[in-house]
Amino acid sequence: MELQGHERCVSRVPIFSHLEMDELEEVFQRVNHRQMKKGEYLFMEGDISSALYVIHKGKVRIYRLNDNGEEQLIRVLTHSDFTGELSLFSDDNESKSYAEVLEDAEVCRIDQKDIYDLMNKYPNISIKVIESFAERLNDSESLTTNISLLNSKEKLLEYIKTHRSDEQLVLTMTKKHLASYLSMQPETLTRTFNRLEAEGYISKINNKTYRILK
């Protein structure tokens, strides 16, 4: 069987990637496929949402607003990334965050009831979901530690360390969003990038790509 685009996307999501083809076909039957435009939202704070969203194409940013109304970026989703899993296992289905489309996107949605049915039939899905929770909790704790203990240079160096690919750093988000993610002002992030270049840590290739020198 040759998979269609959004089917390939769902098949690569960690919580489904271990399934056999006949099992995946059952997942595909439960998927709702949506085209979304830049600036639209999958969900907003206060929305009642109980579905898993998988990104096939485009980019979606997940963020929250703090008590001062300032945005705190949580992550940027790209191909095969997913969100909404927390709402599937909570009595409170009210969203605490925003999911904004950054680039025109194709999104696959699987409703809570369908996820429950699949987990009952294929218990390994539950294990993969728990592994996903653990990974994201670890990422969240690491980010909290970095924000509270590290200065701007240390934050950016830690980000480079965890997001590099071989000898390069390719930014998957704008520097404005990266600044939000690292809890610093955009101007501070720009100065910090310049400082790392001046100190020989990185060399700029283009606006989104840096060569890592040490």
N, C-alpha and C. Protein backbone atom coordinates (compact mmCIF):
# COMPACT_ATOMS: atom_id res chain seq x y z
N MET A 1 0.84 -1.20 0.00
CA MET A 1 0.00 0.00 0.00
C MET A 1 0.87 1.25 0.00
N GLU A 2 0.64 2.15 -0.94
CA GLU A 2 1.39 3.40 -0.99
C GLU A 2 0.66 4.45 -0.15
N LEU A 3 1.36 5.01 0.83
CA LEU A 3 0.74 5.96 1.74
C LEU A 3 0.60 7.32 1.09
N GLN A 4 -0.53 7.98 1.36
CA GLN A 4 -0.72 9.36 0.95
C GLN A 4 0.08 10.26 1.89
N GLY A 5 0.17 11.56 1.53
CA GLY A 5 1.01 12.47 2.30
C GLY A 5 0.68 12.51 3.78
N HIS A 6 -0.61 12.78 4.11
CA HIS A 6 -0.96 12.90 5.52
C HIS A 6 -0.89 11.55 6.23
N GLU A 7 -1.04 10.44 5.49
CA GLU A 7 -0.90 9.12 6.10
C GLU A 7 0.55 8.86 6.47
N ARG A 8 1.48 9.26 5.59
CA ARG A 8 2.90 9.13 5.92
C ARG A 8 3.22 9.94 7.16
N CYS A 9 2.62 11.12 7.25
CA CYS A 9 2.85 12.00 8.40
C CYS A 9 2.45 11.31 9.69
N VAL A 10 1.21 10.80 9.73
CA VAL A 10 0.72 10.14 10.94
C VAL A 10 1.55 8.90 11.26
N SER A 11 1.97 8.16 10.24
CA SER A 11 2.72 6.92 10.47
C SER A 11 4.08 7.19 11.10
N ARG A 12 4.58 8.42 11.00
CA ARG A 12 5.89 8.76 11.55
C ARG A 12 5.82 9.32 12.96
N VAL A 13 4.61 9.60 13.44
CA VAL A 13 4.46 10.10 14.81
C VAL A 13 4.88 8.99 15.77
N PRO A 14 5.72 9.30 16.77
CA PRO A 14 6.24 8.24 17.64
C PRO A 14 5.19 7.34 18.26
N ILE A 15 4.01 7.87 18.59
CA ILE A 15 3.02 7.04 19.26
C ILE A 15 2.34 6.06 18.31
N PHE A 16 2.55 6.24 16.99
CA PHE A 16 1.96 5.32 16.01
C PHE A 16 2.99 4.58 15.17
N SER A 17 4.23 5.01 15.19
CA SER A 17 5.22 4.52 14.23
C SER A 17 5.53 3.04 14.41
N HIS A 18 5.22 2.46 15.57
CA HIS A 18 5.51 1.05 15.82
C HIS A 18 4.43 0.12 15.28
N LEU A 19 3.30 0.68 14.82
CA LEU A 19 2.17 -0.14 14.40
C LEU A 19 2.43 -0.80 13.05
N GLU A 20 1.80 -1.95 12.84
CA GLU A 20 1.86 -2.63 11.55
C GLU A 20 0.93 -1.92 10.57
N MET A 21 1.08 -2.23 9.27
CA MET A 21 0.33 -1.51 8.25
C MET A 21 -1.18 -1.65 8.44
N ASP A 22 -1.66 -2.85 8.76
CA ASP A 22 -3.10 -3.01 8.92
C ASP A 22 -3.61 -2.23 10.12
N GLU A 23 -2.76 -2.09 11.14
CA GLU A 23 -3.14 -1.30 12.31
C GLU A 23 -3.13 0.19 11.98
N LEU A 24 -2.13 0.61 11.19
CA LEU A 24 -2.07 2.01 10.77
C LEU A 24 -3.29 2.39 9.94
N GLU A 25 -3.76 1.46 9.11
CA GLU A 25 -4.92 1.75 8.29
C GLU A 25 -6.13 2.11 9.15
N GLU A 26 -6.23 1.47 10.31
CA GLU A 26 -7.33 1.79 11.22
C GLU A 26 -7.16 3.20 11.79
N VAL A 27 -5.91 3.60 12.04
CA VAL A 27 -5.66 4.97 12.50
C VAL A 27 -6.06 5.96 11.41
N PHE A 28 -5.65 5.69 10.17
CA PHE A 28 -5.94 6.60 9.06
C PHE A 28 -7.44 6.85 8.92
N GLN A 29 -8.24 5.82 9.17
CA GLN A 29 -9.69 5.95 9.03
C GLN A 29 -10.29 6.92 10.04
N ARG A 30 -9.55 7.19 11.10
CA ARG A 30 -10.06 8.05 12.17
C ARG A 30 -9.50 9.47 12.09
N VAL A 31 -8.72 9.73 11.07
CA VAL A 31 -8.07 11.04 10.93
C VAL A 31 -8.94 12.01 10.15
N ASN A 32 -9.07 13.23 10.67
CA ASN A 32 -9.69 14.34 9.94
C ASN A 32 -8.58 15.25 9.44
N HIS A 33 -8.56 15.50 8.14
CA HIS A 33 -7.49 16.26 7.50
C HIS A 33 -7.96 17.69 7.26
N ARG A 34 -7.17 18.69 7.69
CA ARG A 34 -7.57 20.10 7.57
C ARG A 34 -6.47 20.92 6.91
N GLN A 35 -6.90 21.86 6.06
CA GLN A 35 -6.00 22.87 5.50
C GLN A 35 -6.18 24.15 6.31
N MET A 36 -5.08 24.75 6.75
CA MET A 36 -5.17 25.94 7.58
C MET A 36 -4.25 27.03 7.04
N LYS A 37 -4.68 28.28 7.19
CA LYS A 37 -3.94 29.42 6.70
C LYS A 37 -3.10 30.06 7.82
N LYS A 38 -2.04 30.71 7.41
CA LYS A 38 -1.20 31.45 8.35
C LYS A 38 -2.07 32.42 9.15
N GLY A 39 -1.88 32.45 10.46
CA GLY A 39 -2.63 33.34 11.33
C GLY A 39 -3.85 32.70 11.97
N GLU A 40 -4.28 31.53 11.45
CA GLU A 40 -5.38 30.81 12.07
C GLU A 40 -4.88 30.05 13.30
N TYR A 41 -5.83 29.61 14.13
CA TYR A 41 -5.48 28.90 15.36
C TYR A 41 -6.11 27.51 15.37
N LEU A 42 -5.31 26.53 15.77
CA LEU A 42 -5.88 25.21 16.04
C LEU A 42 -6.76 25.28 17.27
N PHE A 43 -6.28 25.98 18.27
CA PHE A 43 -7.06 26.23 19.48
C PHE A 43 -6.45 27.43 20.19
N MET A 44 -7.24 28.02 21.09
CA MET A 44 -6.81 29.18 21.86
C MET A 44 -7.07 28.92 23.34
N GLU A 45 -6.45 29.72 24.19
CA GLU A 45 -6.68 29.58 25.62
C GLU A 45 -8.18 29.70 25.92
N GLY A 46 -8.68 28.76 26.70
CA GLY A 46 -10.09 28.77 27.05
C GLY A 46 -10.96 27.90 26.18
N ASP A 47 -10.44 27.52 25.00
CA ASP A 47 -11.20 26.62 24.13
C ASP A 47 -11.31 25.23 24.76
N ILE A 48 -12.42 24.58 24.50
CA ILE A 48 -12.57 23.18 24.91
C ILE A 48 -12.03 22.31 23.78
N SER A 49 -10.96 21.61 24.07
CA SER A 49 -10.30 20.82 23.03
C SER A 49 -9.93 19.46 23.58
N SER A 50 -10.31 18.41 22.90
CA SER A 50 -9.95 17.05 23.31
C SER A 50 -9.62 16.24 22.07
N ALA A 51 -8.53 16.63 21.43
CA ALA A 51 -8.09 15.95 20.21
C ALA A 51 -6.58 16.02 20.10
N LEU A 52 -6.03 15.10 19.34
CA LEU A 52 -4.61 15.10 19.03
C LEU A 52 -4.43 15.70 17.64
N TYR A 53 -3.51 16.66 17.52
CA TYR A 53 -3.24 17.31 16.24
C TYR A 53 -1.84 16.93 15.77
N VAL A 54 -1.74 16.47 14.53
CA VAL A 54 -0.45 16.12 13.93
C VAL A 54 -0.20 17.05 12.75
N ILE A 55 0.99 17.65 12.71
CA ILE A 55 1.33 18.59 11.64
C ILE A 55 1.91 17.81 10.46
N HIS A 56 1.27 17.96 9.30
CA HIS A 56 1.78 17.33 8.08
C HIS A 56 2.67 18.29 7.31
N LYS A 57 2.20 19.52 7.11
CA LYS A 57 2.98 20.55 6.44
C LYS A 57 2.81 21.86 7.20
N GLY A 58 3.79 22.77 7.01
CA GLY A 58 3.71 24.07 7.65
C GLY A 58 4.30 24.09 9.05
N LYS A 59 4.05 25.19 9.76
CA LYS A 59 4.56 25.36 11.12
C LYS A 59 3.45 25.90 12.01
N VAL A 60 3.46 25.44 13.25
CA VAL A 60 2.49 25.88 14.26
C VAL A 60 3.26 26.18 15.53
N ARG A 61 3.02 27.33 16.12
CA ARG A 61 3.70 27.64 17.38
C ARG A 61 2.72 27.50 18.54
N ILE A 62 3.21 26.93 19.63
CA ILE A 62 2.45 26.76 20.86
C ILE A 62 3.00 27.76 21.87
N TYR A 63 2.12 28.60 22.41
CA TYR A 63 2.59 29.59 23.39
C TYR A 63 1.52 29.85 24.44
N ARG A 64 1.94 30.45 25.54
CA ARG A 64 1.04 30.86 26.60
C ARG A 64 1.25 32.33 26.90
N LEU A 65 0.31 32.93 27.59
CA LEU A 65 0.44 34.30 28.06
C LEU A 65 0.66 34.27 29.57
N ASN A 66 1.67 35.04 30.03
CA ASN A 66 1.89 35.09 31.47
C ASN A 66 0.94 36.11 32.11
N ASP A 67 1.10 36.33 33.40
CA ASP A 67 0.19 37.22 34.13
C ASP A 67 0.25 38.65 33.63
N ASN A 68 1.35 39.02 32.97
CA ASN A 68 1.50 40.37 32.43
C ASN A 68 1.05 40.46 30.97
N GLY A 69 0.50 39.38 30.46
CA GLY A 69 0.04 39.38 29.07
C GLY A 69 1.15 39.18 28.06
N GLU A 70 2.35 38.81 28.52
CA GLU A 70 3.47 38.60 27.62
C GLU A 70 3.48 37.15 27.13
N GLU A 71 3.87 36.96 25.88
CA GLU A 71 3.91 35.62 25.31
C GLU A 71 5.13 34.84 25.79
N GLN A 72 4.91 33.57 26.11
CA GLN A 72 6.00 32.66 26.40
C GLN A 72 5.89 31.48 25.44
N LEU A 73 6.83 31.43 24.50
CA LEU A 73 6.81 30.36 23.51
C LEU A 73 7.14 29.03 24.17
N ILE A 74 6.35 28.01 23.86
CA ILE A 74 6.60 26.67 24.40
C ILE A 74 7.38 25.84 23.39
N ARG A 75 6.92 25.82 22.15
CA ARG A 75 7.64 25.11 21.10
C ARG A 75 7.04 25.46 19.74
N VAL A 76 7.77 25.16 18.69
CA VAL A 76 7.29 25.32 17.32
C VAL A 76 7.19 23.93 16.71
N LEU A 77 6.02 23.61 16.17
CA LEU A 77 5.78 22.29 15.59
C LEU A 77 5.99 22.32 14.08
N THR A 78 6.63 21.30 13.56
CA THR A 78 6.81 21.15 12.11
C THR A 78 6.37 19.72 11.72
N HIS A 79 6.78 19.28 10.56
CA HIS A 79 6.32 18.00 10.00
C HIS A 79 6.44 16.84 11.00
N SER A 80 5.32 16.15 11.22
CA SER A 80 5.21 14.96 12.08
C SER A 80 5.20 15.28 13.57
N ASP A 81 5.32 16.54 13.96
CA ASP A 81 5.16 16.90 15.37
C ASP A 81 3.67 16.89 15.72
N PHE A 82 3.38 16.79 17.01
CA PHE A 82 1.98 16.75 17.42
C PHE A 82 1.77 17.52 18.71
N THR A 83 0.51 17.88 18.97
CA THR A 83 0.13 18.59 20.18
C THR A 83 -1.29 18.20 20.55
N GLY A 84 -1.68 18.56 21.77
CA GLY A 84 -3.04 18.26 22.23
C GLY A 84 -3.13 17.02 23.08
N GLU A 85 -2.00 16.32 23.25
CA GLU A 85 -2.04 15.04 23.97
C GLU A 85 -2.43 15.21 25.44
N LEU A 86 -2.08 16.36 26.04
CA LEU A 86 -2.42 16.56 27.45
C LEU A 86 -3.92 16.60 27.68
N SER A 87 -4.65 17.21 26.75
CA SER A 87 -6.10 17.33 26.90
C SER A 87 -6.81 15.98 26.80
N LEU A 88 -6.13 15.00 26.23
CA LEU A 88 -6.76 13.69 26.05
C LEU A 88 -6.93 12.94 27.37
N PHE A 89 -6.11 13.30 28.36
CA PHE A 89 -6.09 12.52 29.60
C PHE A 89 -6.34 13.39 30.82
N SER A 90 -7.10 14.44 30.64
CA SER A 90 -7.43 15.34 31.73
C SER A 90 -8.93 15.56 31.78
N ASP A 91 -9.47 15.66 33.00
CA ASP A 91 -10.89 15.97 33.15
C ASP A 91 -11.18 17.39 32.71
N ASP A 92 -10.15 18.23 32.77
CA ASP A 92 -10.28 19.63 32.35
C ASP A 92 -9.80 19.74 30.90
N ASN A 93 -10.74 19.84 29.98
CA ASN A 93 -10.38 19.92 28.56
C ASN A 93 -10.21 21.35 28.07
N GLU A 94 -10.17 22.31 28.99
CA GLU A 94 -10.01 23.71 28.61
C GLU A 94 -8.54 23.98 28.30
N SER A 95 -8.29 24.48 27.12
CA SER A 95 -6.91 24.72 26.70
C SER A 95 -6.27 25.82 27.53
N LYS A 96 -5.00 25.62 27.88
CA LYS A 96 -4.24 26.62 28.64
C LYS A 96 -3.24 27.34 27.75
N SER A 97 -3.26 27.05 26.46
CA SER A 97 -2.27 27.64 25.55
C SER A 97 -2.91 27.96 24.21
N TYR A 98 -2.10 28.55 23.34
CA TYR A 98 -2.52 28.92 21.99
C TYR A 98 -1.71 28.10 20.99
N ALA A 99 -2.35 27.72 19.89
CA ALA A 99 -1.66 27.03 18.79
C ALA A 99 -1.92 27.82 17.52
N GLU A 100 -0.95 28.66 17.14
CA GLU A 100 -1.09 29.57 16.00
C GLU A 100 -0.34 29.03 14.79
N VAL A 101 -0.98 29.06 13.63
CA VAL A 101 -0.35 28.63 12.39
C VAL A 101 0.61 29.72 11.91
N LEU A 102 1.89 29.38 11.80
CA LEU A 102 2.91 30.34 11.35
C LEU A 102 3.07 30.32 9.84
N GLU A 103 2.88 29.16 9.23
CA GLU A 103 2.91 28.99 7.78
C GLU A 103 1.70 28.16 7.39
N ASP A 104 1.15 28.43 6.20
CA ASP A 104 0.01 27.62 5.75
C ASP A 104 0.30 26.15 6.05
N ALA A 105 -0.68 25.48 6.64
CA ALA A 105 -0.43 24.15 7.19
C ALA A 105 -1.49 23.14 6.79
N GLU A 106 -1.08 21.89 6.77
CA GLU A 106 -1.99 20.75 6.68
C GLU A 106 -1.90 20.00 8.00
N VAL A 107 -3.05 19.83 8.63
CA VAL A 107 -3.08 19.28 9.99
C VAL A 107 -4.02 18.08 10.04
N CYS A 108 -3.58 17.04 10.71
CA CYS A 108 -4.41 15.85 10.93
C CYS A 108 -4.92 15.86 12.37
N ARG A 109 -6.22 15.66 12.53
CA ARG A 109 -6.84 15.67 13.86
C ARG A 109 -7.45 14.29 14.15
N ILE A 110 -7.17 13.80 15.38
CA ILE A 110 -7.77 12.54 15.84
C ILE A 110 -8.47 12.83 17.16
N ASP A 111 -9.76 12.59 17.24
CA ASP A 111 -10.54 12.94 18.43
C ASP A 111 -10.24 12.00 19.59
N GLN A 112 -10.57 12.49 20.80
CA GLN A 112 -10.28 11.76 22.03
C GLN A 112 -10.87 10.35 22.02
N LYS A 113 -12.13 10.22 21.62
CA LYS A 113 -12.78 8.91 21.64
C LYS A 113 -12.03 7.93 20.75
N ASP A 114 -11.58 8.40 19.59
CA ASP A 114 -10.85 7.53 18.68
C ASP A 114 -9.50 7.11 19.26
N ILE A 115 -8.83 8.06 19.94
CA ILE A 115 -7.56 7.73 20.59
C ILE A 115 -7.79 6.66 21.65
N TYR A 116 -8.83 6.83 22.47
CA TYR A 116 -9.14 5.84 23.51
C TYR A 116 -9.40 4.46 22.90
N ASP A 117 -10.18 4.44 21.83
CA ASP A 117 -10.47 3.16 21.16
C ASP A 117 -9.18 2.50 20.68
N LEU A 118 -8.30 3.30 20.10
CA LEU A 118 -7.04 2.75 19.58
C LEU A 118 -6.15 2.24 20.70
N MET A 119 -6.11 2.97 21.83
CA MET A 119 -5.27 2.54 22.95
C MET A 119 -5.80 1.26 23.57
N ASN A 120 -7.12 1.12 23.63
CA ASN A 120 -7.69 -0.12 24.16
C ASN A 120 -7.35 -1.31 23.27
N LYS A 121 -7.32 -1.07 21.98
CA LYS A 121 -7.06 -2.16 21.04
C LYS A 121 -5.57 -2.43 20.89
N TYR A 122 -4.76 -1.36 20.96
CA TYR A 122 -3.31 -1.49 20.79
C TYR A 122 -2.61 -0.85 21.99
N PRO A 123 -2.43 -1.60 23.10
CA PRO A 123 -1.89 -1.04 24.34
C PRO A 123 -0.54 -0.35 24.18
N ASN A 124 0.25 -0.75 23.20
CA ASN A 124 1.56 -0.12 23.02
C ASN A 124 1.44 1.37 22.73
N ILE A 125 0.30 1.79 22.18
CA ILE A 125 0.09 3.22 21.94
C ILE A 125 0.14 3.96 23.27
N SER A 126 -0.47 3.39 24.32
CA SER A 126 -0.47 4.02 25.65
C SER A 126 0.96 4.19 26.16
N ILE A 127 1.79 3.17 25.95
CA ILE A 127 3.18 3.24 26.38
C ILE A 127 3.91 4.37 25.65
N LYS A 128 3.67 4.47 24.35
CA LYS A 128 4.33 5.52 23.57
C LYS A 128 3.87 6.91 24.00
N VAL A 129 2.58 7.03 24.37
CA VAL A 129 2.08 8.32 24.84
C VAL A 129 2.76 8.70 26.15
N ILE A 130 2.90 7.74 27.06
CA ILE A 130 3.58 8.00 28.33
C ILE A 130 5.03 8.42 28.08
N GLU A 131 5.69 7.74 27.16
CA GLU A 131 7.07 8.12 26.81
C GLU A 131 7.12 9.56 26.29
N SER A 132 6.11 9.93 25.50
CA SER A 132 6.04 11.29 24.98
C SER A 132 5.86 12.29 26.11
N PHE A 133 4.98 11.97 27.07
CA PHE A 133 4.79 12.84 28.23
C PHE A 133 6.10 13.04 28.97
N ALA A 134 6.81 11.93 29.20
CA ALA A 134 8.06 11.99 29.96
C ALA A 134 9.09 12.85 29.25
N GLU A 135 9.19 12.70 27.93
CA GLU A 135 10.16 13.48 27.15
C GLU A 135 9.84 14.96 27.22
N ARG A 136 8.56 15.30 27.08
CA ARG A 136 8.19 16.72 27.09
C ARG A 136 8.30 17.31 28.49
N LEU A 137 8.03 16.51 29.52
CA LEU A 137 8.21 16.98 30.89
C LEU A 137 9.68 17.27 31.15
N ASN A 138 10.55 16.41 30.67
CA ASN A 138 11.99 16.63 30.82
C ASN A 138 12.42 17.90 30.09
N ASP A 139 11.90 18.10 28.87
CA ASP A 139 12.22 19.32 28.12
C ASP A 139 11.75 20.55 28.87
N SER A 140 10.54 20.47 29.44
CA SER A 140 9.97 21.61 30.17
C SER A 140 10.79 21.93 31.41
N GLU A 141 11.21 20.88 32.14
CA GLU A 141 12.01 21.10 33.34
C GLU A 141 13.37 21.69 32.98
N SER A 142 13.95 21.21 31.89
CA SER A 142 15.25 21.75 31.46
C SER A 142 15.13 23.21 31.08
N LEU A 143 14.04 23.56 30.37
CA LEU A 143 13.83 24.95 29.97
C LEU A 143 13.64 25.83 31.20
N THR A 144 12.85 25.36 32.18
CA THR A 144 12.63 26.13 33.40
C THR A 144 13.93 26.38 34.13
N THR A 145 14.77 25.34 34.22
CA THR A 145 16.07 25.49 34.87
C THR A 145 16.94 26.50 34.14
N ASN A 146 16.97 26.40 32.81
CA ASN A 146 17.79 27.32 32.02
C ASN A 146 17.34 28.76 32.21
N ILE A 147 16.03 28.98 32.20
CA ILE A 147 15.50 30.33 32.33
C ILE A 147 15.85 30.93 33.68
N SER A 148 15.76 30.12 34.73
CA SER A 148 15.92 30.65 36.08
C SER A 148 17.38 30.79 36.50
N LEU A 149 18.28 29.97 35.94
CA LEU A 149 19.65 29.93 36.43
C LEU A 149 20.69 30.49 35.47
N LEU A 150 20.40 30.52 34.19
CA LEU A 150 21.42 30.88 33.21
C LEU A 150 21.27 32.32 32.74
N ASN A 151 22.41 32.95 32.40
CA ASN A 151 22.35 34.27 31.79
C ASN A 151 22.10 34.12 30.29
N SER A 152 21.98 35.25 29.59
CA SER A 152 21.58 35.20 28.18
C SER A 152 22.57 34.41 27.32
N LYS A 153 23.87 34.58 27.56
CA LYS A 153 24.87 33.83 26.79
C LYS A 153 24.75 32.34 27.05
N GLU A 154 24.59 31.98 28.32
CA GLU A 154 24.49 30.56 28.68
C GLU A 154 23.22 29.93 28.11
N LYS A 155 22.11 30.70 28.12
CA LYS A 155 20.86 30.19 27.54
C LYS A 155 21.03 29.86 26.06
N LEU A 156 21.64 30.80 25.32
CA LEU A 156 21.79 30.59 23.88
C LEU A 156 22.76 29.45 23.59
N LEU A 157 23.84 29.36 24.35
CA LEU A 157 24.79 28.26 24.16
C LEU A 157 24.12 26.91 24.44
N GLU A 158 23.28 26.86 25.46
CA GLU A 158 22.57 25.62 25.77
C GLU A 158 21.59 25.26 24.66
N TYR A 159 20.93 26.29 24.12
CA TYR A 159 20.00 26.05 23.01
C TYR A 159 20.76 25.50 21.80
N ILE A 160 21.90 26.11 21.49
CA ILE A 160 22.72 25.64 20.36
C ILE A 160 23.15 24.19 20.59
N LYS A 161 23.55 23.89 21.80
CA LYS A 161 24.02 22.54 22.14
C LYS A 161 22.93 21.49 21.90
N THR A 162 21.69 21.82 22.25
CA THR A 162 20.60 20.84 22.17
C THR A 162 19.88 20.84 20.83
N HIS A 163 20.16 21.84 19.97
CA HIS A 163 19.44 21.93 18.69
C HIS A 163 20.37 21.90 17.48
N ARG A 164 21.66 21.68 17.69
CA ARG A 164 22.60 21.65 16.58
C ARG A 164 22.43 20.38 15.76
N SER A 165 22.83 20.47 14.50
CA SER A 165 22.88 19.29 13.64
C SER A 165 24.29 19.24 13.06
N ASP A 166 25.08 18.31 13.57
CA ASP A 166 26.50 18.24 13.23
C ASP A 166 27.17 19.56 13.59
N GLU A 167 27.70 20.26 12.59
CA GLU A 167 28.44 21.49 12.87
C GLU A 167 27.62 22.74 12.55
N GLN A 168 26.31 22.60 12.45
CA GLN A 168 25.47 23.75 12.11
C GLN A 168 24.28 23.87 13.06
N LEU A 169 23.81 25.10 13.19
CA LEU A 169 22.54 25.39 13.85
C LEU A 169 21.63 26.01 12.81
N VAL A 170 20.50 25.36 12.54
CA VAL A 170 19.50 25.88 11.61
C VAL A 170 18.27 26.25 12.43
N LEU A 171 17.94 27.52 12.45
CA LEU A 171 16.80 27.99 13.24
C LEU A 171 15.49 27.57 12.58
N THR A 172 14.60 26.96 13.35
CA THR A 172 13.30 26.54 12.84
C THR A 172 12.21 27.55 13.17
N MET A 173 12.59 28.63 13.84
CA MET A 173 11.64 29.68 14.20
C MET A 173 12.30 31.03 13.99
N THR A 174 11.50 32.08 13.97
CA THR A 174 12.07 33.42 13.85
C THR A 174 12.84 33.77 15.12
N LYS A 175 13.73 34.75 15.02
CA LYS A 175 14.49 35.15 16.20
C LYS A 175 13.58 35.79 17.25
N LYS A 176 12.50 36.41 16.81
CA LYS A 176 11.52 36.95 17.76
C LYS A 176 10.93 35.83 18.60
N HIS A 177 10.57 34.73 17.95
CA HIS A 177 9.99 33.60 18.68
C HIS A 177 11.06 32.89 19.51
N LEU A 178 12.28 32.82 19.01
CA LEU A 178 13.36 32.22 19.78
C LEU A 178 13.61 33.03 21.05
N ALA A 179 13.58 34.34 20.93
CA ALA A 179 13.76 35.20 22.10
C ALA A 179 12.67 34.91 23.14
N SER A 180 11.44 34.77 22.68
CA SER A 180 10.34 34.43 23.59
C SER A 180 10.58 33.08 24.25
N TYR A 181 11.03 32.12 23.47
CA TYR A 181 11.29 30.78 23.99
C TYR A 181 12.36 30.81 25.07
N LEU A 182 13.37 31.65 24.89
CA LEU A 182 14.47 31.74 25.84
C LEU A 182 14.25 32.79 26.92
N SER A 183 13.06 33.41 26.91
CA SER A 183 12.69 34.43 27.91
C SER A 183 13.69 35.58 27.94
N MET A 184 13.94 36.15 26.78
CA MET A 184 14.75 37.36 26.71
C MET A 184 14.17 38.28 25.64
N GLN A 185 14.54 39.53 25.68
CA GLN A 185 14.07 40.48 24.69
C GLN A 185 14.76 40.21 23.34
N PRO A 186 14.07 40.49 22.22
CA PRO A 186 14.70 40.27 20.91
C PRO A 186 16.03 40.98 20.76
N GLU A 187 16.12 42.21 21.31
CA GLU A 187 17.37 42.97 21.21
C GLU A 187 18.50 42.25 21.96
N THR A 188 18.14 41.66 23.11
CA THR A 188 19.14 40.92 23.88
C THR A 188 19.62 39.70 23.11
N LEU A 189 18.69 39.01 22.45
CA LEU A 189 19.08 37.84 21.66
C LEU A 189 20.01 38.23 20.52
N THR A 190 19.70 39.34 19.85
CA THR A 190 20.55 39.81 18.75
C THR A 190 21.96 40.11 19.26
N ARG A 191 22.04 40.81 20.39
CA ARG A 191 23.35 41.12 20.97
C ARG A 191 24.10 39.85 21.36
N THR A 192 23.36 38.86 21.86
CA THR A 192 23.99 37.62 22.29
C THR A 192 24.52 36.83 21.10
N PHE A 193 23.76 36.78 20.01
CA PHE A 193 24.27 36.15 18.78
C PHE A 193 25.54 36.86 18.32
N ASN A 194 25.51 38.19 18.31
CA ASN A 194 26.69 38.96 17.88
C ASN A 194 27.88 38.68 18.79
N ARG A 195 27.60 38.56 20.08
CA ARG A 195 28.68 38.29 21.04
C ARG A 195 29.30 36.92 20.78
N LEU A 196 28.47 35.92 20.53
CA LEU A 196 29.00 34.59 20.27
C LEU A 196 29.81 34.55 18.98
N GLU A 197 29.40 35.34 17.99
CA GLU A 197 30.19 35.44 16.76
C GLU A 197 31.54 36.08 17.05
N ALA A 198 31.51 37.18 17.80
CA ALA A 198 32.75 37.91 18.10
C ALA A 198 33.71 37.06 18.92
N GLU A 199 33.17 36.19 19.77
CA GLU A 199 34.01 35.36 20.63
C GLU A 199 34.39 34.03 19.96
N GLY A 200 33.97 33.85 18.70
CA GLY A 200 34.40 32.69 17.95
C GLY A 200 33.64 31.40 18.21
N TYR A 201 32.46 31.51 18.81
CA TYR A 201 31.64 30.32 19.04
C TYR A 201 30.91 29.89 17.77
N ILE A 202 30.44 30.88 16.99
CA ILE A 202 29.64 30.60 15.80
C ILE A 202 30.04 31.54 14.67
N SER A 203 29.67 31.16 13.45
CA SER A 203 29.88 32.00 12.28
C SER A 203 28.58 32.01 11.49
N LYS A 204 28.08 33.20 11.17
CA LYS A 204 26.79 33.32 10.50
C LYS A 204 26.92 32.96 9.02
N ILE A 205 26.05 32.04 8.56
CA ILE A 205 25.99 31.68 7.14
C ILE A 205 24.89 32.48 6.45
N ASN A 206 23.71 32.50 7.05
CA ASN A 206 22.60 33.34 6.61
C ASN A 206 21.73 33.62 7.82
N ASN A 207 20.57 34.24 7.61
CA ASN A 207 19.74 34.65 8.74
C ASN A 207 19.26 33.49 9.60
N LYS A 208 19.20 32.29 9.03
CA LYS A 208 18.68 31.15 9.79
C LYS A 208 19.73 30.08 10.08
N THR A 209 20.93 30.24 9.55
CA THR A 209 21.92 29.17 9.67
C THR A 209 23.24 29.72 10.20
N TYR A 210 23.81 28.99 11.16
CA TYR A 210 25.11 29.35 11.74
C TYR A 210 26.02 28.13 11.74
N ARG A 211 27.29 28.37 11.45
CA ARG A 211 28.28 27.31 11.59
C ARG A 211 28.80 27.34 13.02
N ILE A 212 28.86 26.18 13.64
CA ILE A 212 29.32 26.09 15.03
C ILE A 212 30.82 25.83 15.02
N LEU A 213 31.57 26.71 15.66
CA LEU A 213 33.03 26.66 15.60
C LEU A 213 33.65 26.01 16.83
N LYS A 214 32.93 26.06 17.96
CA LYS A 214 33.47 25.42 19.16
C LYS A 214 32.38 25.17 20.18
